[in-house]
Protein backbone atom coordinates (compact mmCIF):
# COMPACT_ATOMS: atom_id res chain seq x y z
CA MET A 1 155.20 135.15 146.05
CA ILE A 2 153.18 133.52 143.29
CA SER A 3 155.03 130.24 143.71
CA GLN A 4 154.47 130.22 147.51
CA TYR A 5 150.78 130.86 147.04
CA GLN A 6 150.42 128.20 144.35
CA GLU A 7 152.35 125.67 146.41
CA SER A 8 150.15 126.18 149.48
CA LEU A 9 146.93 126.30 147.54
CA LEU A 10 147.27 123.66 144.87
CA LEU A 11 149.79 120.92 145.57
CA PRO A 12 148.15 117.54 146.33
CA GLY A 13 147.64 116.76 150.00
CA ARG A 14 147.79 120.41 151.10
CA THR A 15 144.98 122.44 152.65
CA TYR A 16 144.46 126.14 152.26
CA GLN A 17 142.35 128.61 154.21
CA SER A 18 140.95 131.26 151.94
CA GLY A 19 141.55 134.92 152.69
CA PRO A 20 140.93 138.20 150.89
CA VAL A 21 144.56 138.70 149.75
CA ASP A 22 144.95 135.13 148.49
CA THR A 23 141.63 135.31 146.68
CA THR A 24 142.98 138.34 144.84
CA TYR A 25 146.06 136.36 143.79
CA GLU A 26 143.85 133.53 142.60
CA ASP A 27 141.75 135.93 140.53
CA VAL A 28 144.91 137.41 139.00
CA LEU A 29 146.25 133.98 138.03
CA GLU A 30 142.93 132.90 136.58
CA ASN A 31 142.32 136.06 134.55
CA ILE A 32 145.82 136.89 133.34
CA ASP A 33 146.04 136.75 129.53
CA SER A 34 148.85 134.17 129.60
CA GLY A 35 148.54 130.43 130.09
CA ILE A 36 150.24 129.32 133.33
CA MET A 37 151.42 125.84 134.34
CA LEU A 38 153.36 124.90 137.49
CA PHE A 39 155.16 121.55 137.80
CA ASP A 40 157.93 120.03 139.92
CA GLU A 41 161.30 118.45 139.08
CA GLU A 42 159.59 115.14 138.33
CA GLY A 43 157.25 116.83 135.87
CA VAL A 44 154.13 116.55 138.06
CA ILE A 45 151.70 119.37 137.26
CA SER A 46 150.37 121.12 140.37
CA PHE A 47 148.55 124.08 138.84
CA VAL A 48 147.10 125.31 135.55
CA ASN A 49 144.98 128.41 135.00
CA LYS A 50 141.95 128.50 132.72
CA GLN A 51 143.91 130.05 129.83
CA MET A 52 146.36 127.16 129.88
CA TYR A 53 143.84 124.32 129.95
CA GLY A 54 141.81 126.25 127.35
CA MET A 55 144.85 126.39 125.04
CA LEU A 56 145.42 122.66 125.48
CA GLU A 57 141.66 121.99 125.08
CA LEU A 58 141.67 119.83 128.22
CA THR A 59 140.09 120.10 131.68
CA ARG A 60 141.85 121.32 134.81
CA HIS A 61 141.00 118.02 136.52
CA SER A 62 142.76 116.00 133.80
CA LEU A 63 145.93 118.09 134.13
CA VAL A 64 146.52 118.67 137.86
CA GLY A 65 148.43 115.72 139.33
CA CYS A 66 149.37 114.47 135.85
CA THR A 67 153.01 114.31 134.75
CA ILE A 68 154.33 115.92 131.58
CA SER A 69 155.11 112.46 130.19
CA HIS A 70 151.55 111.25 130.86
CA LEU A 71 150.21 114.42 129.25
CA LEU A 72 151.92 113.43 126.01
CA PHE A 73 149.85 110.22 125.95
CA ASN A 74 146.52 111.97 126.54
CA VAL A 75 144.33 110.96 123.59
CA ARG A 76 142.43 114.27 123.78
CA LEU A 77 145.57 116.34 123.24
CA SER A 78 146.16 117.02 119.55
CA ARG A 79 149.28 115.70 117.86
CA PHE A 80 150.55 119.23 117.15
CA LYS A 81 150.09 120.32 120.78
CA LYS A 82 151.91 117.20 122.02
CA LYS A 83 154.81 118.08 119.73
CA GLN A 84 154.95 121.65 121.03
CA VAL A 85 154.68 120.63 124.71
CA LEU A 86 157.55 118.17 124.23
CA GLN A 87 159.65 120.64 122.23
CA SER A 88 159.12 123.43 124.78
CA TYR A 89 160.03 121.08 127.64
CA LYS A 90 163.23 119.99 125.87
CA GLU A 91 164.31 123.49 124.87
CA MET A 92 163.77 125.03 128.28
CA VAL A 93 164.19 122.34 130.94
CA TYR A 94 166.97 120.30 129.31
CA LYS A 95 168.71 122.97 127.23
CA GLY A 96 168.29 125.71 129.82
CA LYS A 97 166.67 128.33 127.57
CA SER A 98 164.57 130.95 129.35
CA ASN A 99 162.11 131.35 126.47
CA TYR A 100 161.03 129.60 123.29
CA GLU A 101 158.89 130.77 120.36
CA PHE A 102 156.87 128.69 117.91
CA LEU A 103 154.28 128.98 115.16
CA ASP A 104 151.11 126.93 115.58
CA GLU A 105 149.07 125.12 112.94
CA TYR A 106 146.87 128.21 112.47
CA GLY A 107 149.80 130.55 111.77
CA ARG A 108 149.78 132.19 115.23
CA TYR A 109 153.00 132.99 117.08
CA TRP A 110 153.44 131.93 120.72
CA LYS A 111 156.12 132.61 123.29
CA VAL A 112 156.82 130.21 126.16
CA THR A 113 158.83 131.43 129.16
CA LEU A 114 160.22 129.41 132.06
CA CYS A 115 160.85 130.60 135.60
CA CYS A 116 162.79 128.42 138.03
CA GLY A 117 165.45 128.72 140.70
CA GLU A 118 165.71 128.90 144.47
CA GLN A 119 162.67 131.13 144.83
CA MET A 120 160.56 128.47 143.10
CA LYS A 121 161.62 125.77 145.62
CA GLY A 122 162.36 123.20 142.91
CA CYS A 123 159.27 124.00 140.84
CA TYR A 124 159.05 125.23 137.26
CA LEU A 125 156.62 127.92 136.12
CA PHE A 126 155.67 127.81 132.45
CA THR A 127 153.86 130.79 130.90
CA VAL A 128 152.50 130.80 127.35
CA LYS A 129 151.40 133.96 125.54
CA GLU A 130 150.30 134.67 121.98
CA ILE A 131 152.63 137.23 120.36
CA SER A 132 151.20 137.36 116.82
CA ASP A 133 150.47 141.10 117.08
CA TYR A 134 154.01 141.83 118.27
CA LYS A 135 155.45 139.78 115.40
CA LEU A 136 153.29 141.64 112.89
CA ILE A 137 154.47 145.01 114.24
CA GLU A 138 158.08 143.77 114.18
CA GLN A 139 157.82 142.55 110.59
CA THR A 140 156.05 145.74 109.45
CA ALA A 141 158.73 147.89 111.08
CA TYR A 142 161.44 145.81 109.39
CA GLN A 143 159.74 146.13 106.00
CA ASN A 144 159.30 149.89 106.42
CA ASP A 145 162.96 150.30 107.37
CA SER A 146 164.03 148.18 104.39
CA LEU A 147 161.82 150.13 101.99
CA ALA A 148 163.04 153.47 103.35
CA MET A 149 166.62 152.34 102.81
CA LEU A 150 165.67 151.02 99.38
CA GLY A 151 164.21 154.40 98.40
CA LYS A 152 167.46 156.20 99.19
CA LEU A 153 169.51 153.50 97.51
CA SER A 154 167.34 153.53 94.38
CA ALA A 155 167.78 157.23 93.72
CA SER A 156 171.55 156.85 94.00
CA ILE A 157 171.61 153.77 91.77
CA ALA A 158 169.50 155.41 89.07
CA HIS A 159 171.85 158.37 88.85
CA GLU A 160 175.23 156.74 89.47
CA ILE A 161 174.82 153.58 87.40
CA ARG A 162 172.44 154.39 84.56
CA ASN A 163 174.63 157.18 83.17
CA PRO A 164 177.78 155.04 82.73
CA LEU A 165 175.66 152.15 81.41
CA THR A 166 174.24 154.45 78.74
CA ALA A 167 177.77 155.50 77.77
CA ILE A 168 178.94 151.87 77.60
CA ARG A 169 175.95 150.94 75.43
CA GLY A 170 176.72 153.81 73.04
CA PHE A 171 180.38 152.89 72.61
CA ILE A 172 179.59 149.18 72.14
CA GLN A 173 177.20 150.12 69.32
CA LEU A 174 179.93 152.27 67.75
CA LEU A 175 182.31 149.29 67.92
CA HIS A 176 179.81 146.94 66.29
CA PRO A 177 181.27 147.26 62.71
CA HIS A 178 184.79 146.53 64.01
CA LEU A 179 183.58 143.52 65.99
CA GLN A 180 181.79 142.29 62.87
CA GLN A 181 185.01 142.50 60.85
CA LEU A 182 186.76 140.41 63.52
CA GLY A 183 183.90 137.92 63.60
CA LYS A 184 183.26 138.78 67.26
CA GLN A 185 179.88 140.47 66.92
CA GLU A 186 178.43 138.00 69.44
CA TYR A 187 180.54 139.64 72.15
CA GLY A 188 178.79 142.92 71.47
CA LYS A 189 175.38 141.26 71.70
CA ILE A 190 176.30 139.67 75.03
CA ILE A 191 177.49 143.01 76.45
CA LEU A 192 174.30 144.77 75.30
CA ALA A 193 172.15 142.01 76.80
CA GLU A 194 173.94 142.30 80.14
CA ILE A 195 173.54 146.09 80.11
CA ASP A 196 169.80 145.61 79.53
CA ARG A 197 169.70 143.15 82.42
CA ALA A 198 171.44 145.66 84.70
CA ASN A 199 168.90 148.31 83.66
CA ASP A 200 166.05 145.89 84.46
CA ILE A 201 167.44 145.34 87.97
CA ILE A 202 167.69 149.11 88.48
CA HIS A 203 164.08 149.45 87.31
CA GLU A 204 163.02 146.82 89.87
CA PHE A 205 164.76 148.77 92.62
CA LEU A 206 162.99 151.97 91.61
CA THR A 207 159.61 150.26 91.29
CA SER A 208 159.91 148.53 94.67
CA SER A 209 160.80 151.75 96.48
CA LYS A 210 158.02 153.78 94.87
CA PRO A 211 155.56 151.93 92.63
CA SER A 212 153.90 154.13 90.02
CA VAL A 213 150.44 155.52 90.73
CA PRO A 214 147.83 152.99 89.50
CA GLN A 215 145.94 153.89 86.31
CA VAL A 216 142.61 152.69 87.63
CA GLY A 217 140.07 150.99 85.39
CA MET A 218 137.61 148.09 85.42
CA ILE A 219 139.34 144.72 85.00
CA PRO A 220 137.50 141.46 84.16
CA VAL A 221 139.22 138.79 86.27
CA SER A 222 138.58 136.10 83.67
CA ALA A 223 140.27 138.07 80.88
CA LEU A 224 143.19 139.00 83.15
CA LEU A 225 143.97 135.40 84.11
CA LYS A 226 143.44 134.04 80.59
CA GLU A 227 145.86 136.58 79.12
CA VAL A 228 148.60 135.91 81.68
CA VAL A 229 148.21 132.11 81.35
CA LEU A 230 148.43 132.47 77.56
CA LEU A 231 151.65 134.48 77.96
CA THR A 232 153.25 131.81 80.15
CA GLU A 233 152.00 128.57 78.54
CA SER A 234 154.87 128.22 76.06
CA GLU A 235 157.46 128.97 78.74
CA ALA A 236 155.82 126.35 80.98
CA LEU A 237 155.96 123.72 78.23
CA MET A 238 159.66 124.43 77.68
CA LYS A 239 160.25 123.87 81.40
CA GLY A 240 158.22 120.64 81.38
CA CYS A 241 155.32 121.82 83.53
CA GLN A 242 151.61 122.27 82.97
CA ILE A 243 149.36 125.27 83.75
CA ASN A 244 145.65 124.58 84.36
CA LEU A 245 143.23 127.52 84.30
CA HIS A 246 140.10 126.66 86.31
CA PRO A 247 136.67 127.71 84.97
CA LEU A 248 135.60 130.98 86.61
CA GLN A 249 132.31 131.80 88.33
CA GLY A 250 130.49 134.47 86.30
CA ASP A 251 131.87 137.84 85.29
CA MET A 252 133.90 139.00 88.29
CA MET A 253 135.27 142.54 88.07
CA ILE A 254 137.95 144.35 90.04
CA SER A 255 139.15 147.95 89.92
CA GLY A 256 142.82 148.67 89.33
CA ASP A 257 145.77 149.14 87.02
CA VAL A 258 145.67 146.29 84.52
CA LYS A 259 149.44 146.45 83.84
CA GLN A 260 150.26 146.20 87.53
CA MET A 261 147.77 143.35 88.02
CA LYS A 262 149.37 141.45 85.12
CA GLN A 263 152.78 142.07 86.67
CA VAL A 264 151.68 140.51 89.98
CA VAL A 265 149.99 137.42 88.48
CA LEU A 266 152.85 136.93 86.01
CA ASN A 267 155.39 137.11 88.84
CA LEU A 268 153.53 134.51 90.92
CA ILE A 269 153.12 132.11 87.98
CA ARG A 270 156.81 132.40 87.07
CA ASN A 271 157.76 131.77 90.70
CA ALA A 272 155.54 128.67 90.59
CA MET A 273 157.28 127.48 87.40
CA GLU A 274 160.66 127.76 89.08
CA ALA A 275 159.36 125.90 92.13
CA VAL A 276 158.01 122.94 90.14
CA THR A 277 161.11 122.65 87.94
CA ASP A 278 163.19 122.26 91.12
CA ARG A 279 161.41 118.98 91.99
CA VAL A 280 163.80 116.07 92.44
CA ASP A 281 161.28 113.21 92.15
CA GLY A 282 160.80 113.51 88.39
CA LEU A 283 157.02 114.07 88.57
CA MET A 284 155.47 116.61 86.20
CA GLY A 285 155.08 120.05 87.71
CA LYS A 286 151.51 121.36 87.80
CA ILE A 287 150.31 124.92 88.34
CA GLU A 288 146.66 125.65 89.10
CA VAL A 289 145.27 129.13 88.38
CA GLY A 290 141.77 130.36 89.11
CA ALA A 291 139.50 132.71 91.03
CA HIS A 292 136.28 132.66 93.04
CA ARG A 293 134.04 134.99 95.01
CA GLU A 294 134.31 135.12 98.77
CA GLY A 295 131.76 137.56 100.19
CA SER A 296 132.66 141.03 98.90
CA GLU A 297 136.05 139.90 97.60
CA VAL A 298 137.56 138.23 94.56
CA ARG A 299 140.21 135.68 95.45
CA MET A 300 142.62 134.73 92.68
CA PHE A 301 144.82 131.74 93.42
CA ILE A 302 148.05 130.33 92.01
CA SER A 303 148.99 126.89 93.37
CA ASP A 304 151.84 124.57 92.50
CA ASN A 305 153.09 121.11 93.47
CA GLY A 306 156.69 122.28 93.71
CA LYS A 307 159.33 122.01 96.41
CA GLY A 308 157.41 124.18 98.90
CA MET A 309 158.83 126.38 101.66
CA ASP A 310 159.48 126.04 105.37
CA ILE A 311 158.12 128.39 108.04
CA ARG A 312 161.28 130.48 108.25
CA THR A 313 161.18 131.17 104.51
CA LEU A 314 157.46 132.05 104.65
CA ASP A 315 158.11 134.54 107.45
CA ARG A 316 160.55 136.51 105.29
CA LEU A 317 158.96 135.96 101.89
CA PHE A 318 157.74 139.53 101.29
CA ASN A 319 160.79 141.26 102.78
CA PRO A 320 162.75 143.39 100.28
CA PHE A 321 166.03 141.74 99.18
CA PHE A 322 165.05 138.30 100.53
CA THR A 323 165.35 135.59 97.88
CA THR A 324 165.87 131.84 97.65
CA LYS A 325 166.90 132.07 93.98
CA GLU A 326 170.51 131.98 92.90
CA ASN A 327 170.11 134.98 90.58
CA GLY A 328 167.13 136.65 92.25
CA THR A 329 166.99 140.26 93.43
CA GLY A 330 164.54 139.59 96.26
CA LEU A 331 162.23 142.33 94.99
CA GLY A 332 159.55 140.54 92.93
CA LEU A 333 157.25 139.52 95.80
CA SER A 334 157.95 142.73 97.70
CA VAL A 335 156.80 144.76 94.68
CA SER A 336 153.77 142.48 94.15
CA ASP A 337 152.75 142.79 97.81
CA ARG A 338 152.93 146.59 97.67
CA ILE A 339 150.95 146.76 94.40
CA ILE A 340 148.12 144.67 95.84
CA LYS A 341 148.07 146.71 99.07
CA ASN A 342 147.87 149.91 96.97
CA HIS A 343 144.75 148.39 95.39
CA GLY A 344 143.14 147.75 98.80
CA GLY A 345 143.87 144.02 98.84
CA CYS A 346 146.33 141.54 100.26
CA ILE A 347 148.39 138.49 99.27
CA SER A 348 148.40 135.41 101.51
CA VAL A 349 150.48 132.27 101.14
CA SER A 350 150.57 128.77 102.58
CA SER A 351 153.17 126.12 101.81
CA ARG A 352 154.47 122.71 102.82
CA VAL A 353 157.95 121.43 102.07
CA ASN A 354 157.93 118.89 99.19
CA GLU A 355 154.17 119.36 98.71
CA GLY A 356 153.71 122.77 97.13
CA THR A 357 152.68 126.38 97.63
CA HIS A 358 149.33 128.19 97.46
CA PHE A 359 149.15 131.97 96.86
CA VAL A 360 145.87 133.89 97.18
CA ILE A 361 145.34 137.47 95.96
CA SER A 362 142.31 139.02 97.67
CA LEU A 363 140.82 142.19 96.14
CA PRO A 364 137.51 144.07 96.52
CA LEU A 365 134.80 142.84 94.15
CA ILE A 366 133.19 145.51 91.96
CA HIS A 367 129.47 144.89 91.47
C-alpha cells in the first residue's frame, strides 16, 4: 500500500490528486521516526522523507530524481555517509541481505532494512533507524547475565579450588628441605609462584562478581595520579615506553575508596603499556596521564599511541571474560568499570587501529 501510494504521488512525470486518506499516508511517512528512501532497479530515487534527507544533511530536491551513484559524488554528502550509503547498497541489493547495522562516526548504532519484491513493483524501500538505545539495553542485559553467572561460578571456585591449593602449598613447603638437598629448590619456588598466580585469578573472579564496599574518603586527584605513575615508571622503562604526567589544574578532589581508585588507574596504565609494546613500527611507546575539570566532574585520562582497537573490540571491551591478551582473564576492565560505576562515575573509551587509545574516567567533583 505504501509503495503504491509513493509510486503514484512521487515518481517523476506522474500527477496525483490529493485526498484525505492519502494525506494521512503522507503525514505518516513524513513523521515516522525512521528515514525512508524509495528507488528503482536503476537506482533512481523517487522519494525521501524528511528524516532521511535530514540524516544525509541534504535537501529533498537534491535527492529526488538523483541516482544512488550520483549521490555518492554529491560534494555536500560527507565522506563517512558516502561510505555507509555504498556499503548498505552493496550488502542489501547485491548480497541480498534484508538488514544491515553500522556504527557512525559519533558512536551511534543504526539499522538499515530493505523491502523489495513483487509488491514493490521493481522498487526498493530503504528504511534507516537509530538503534543505540536497543544496543545499550542488549549489552547491559548481556553484562548482567555474565556477572550473575560469574557470581555463582566465583563462590564455587573459591571453595573448590582454594582448599586444594592451600594443601598443595603446605606440602611443597614441607618438601623444601628435600628439594634443597637435590639441588631442585627452584622447582618448589616455581610451584609456589604458580599457586599464588592461581589464587590471584580466583581473587579477580571474586572481586568482579562482588566488589568490596568502598571505604569512602576524600582523594586528591593530583596525589592519586602521581602515586600510580611513580609505581609504574620503572616498569614502563623496562618495557621501553614513556609515561608523561600532565600538570593538573588546581586541587581537584573526588570522594571514594583510594585503594579501588588506584586499582582502576593502575589497570588502565598497565593496559596502555601492553598496547604500546605491541607496536610493530619500532617507535617509542608514549602514555599520557592527566586530569581536568569539566563542569561538575573530574575527568582523568590515560592515552597511548599503541596498536589501538577496532569497533568490534570496543563494543565488547567491558564484558566479563572478554580479553585480547594471550594470558588475560578478561576481568580487569570489567572490575574497573564496576568500581567507577559504584562511585557514581563512568569510563569512556575511544580508539583507532594503529593510532592509539584514549580512556576517560569521569567522577563527581567535590568542592
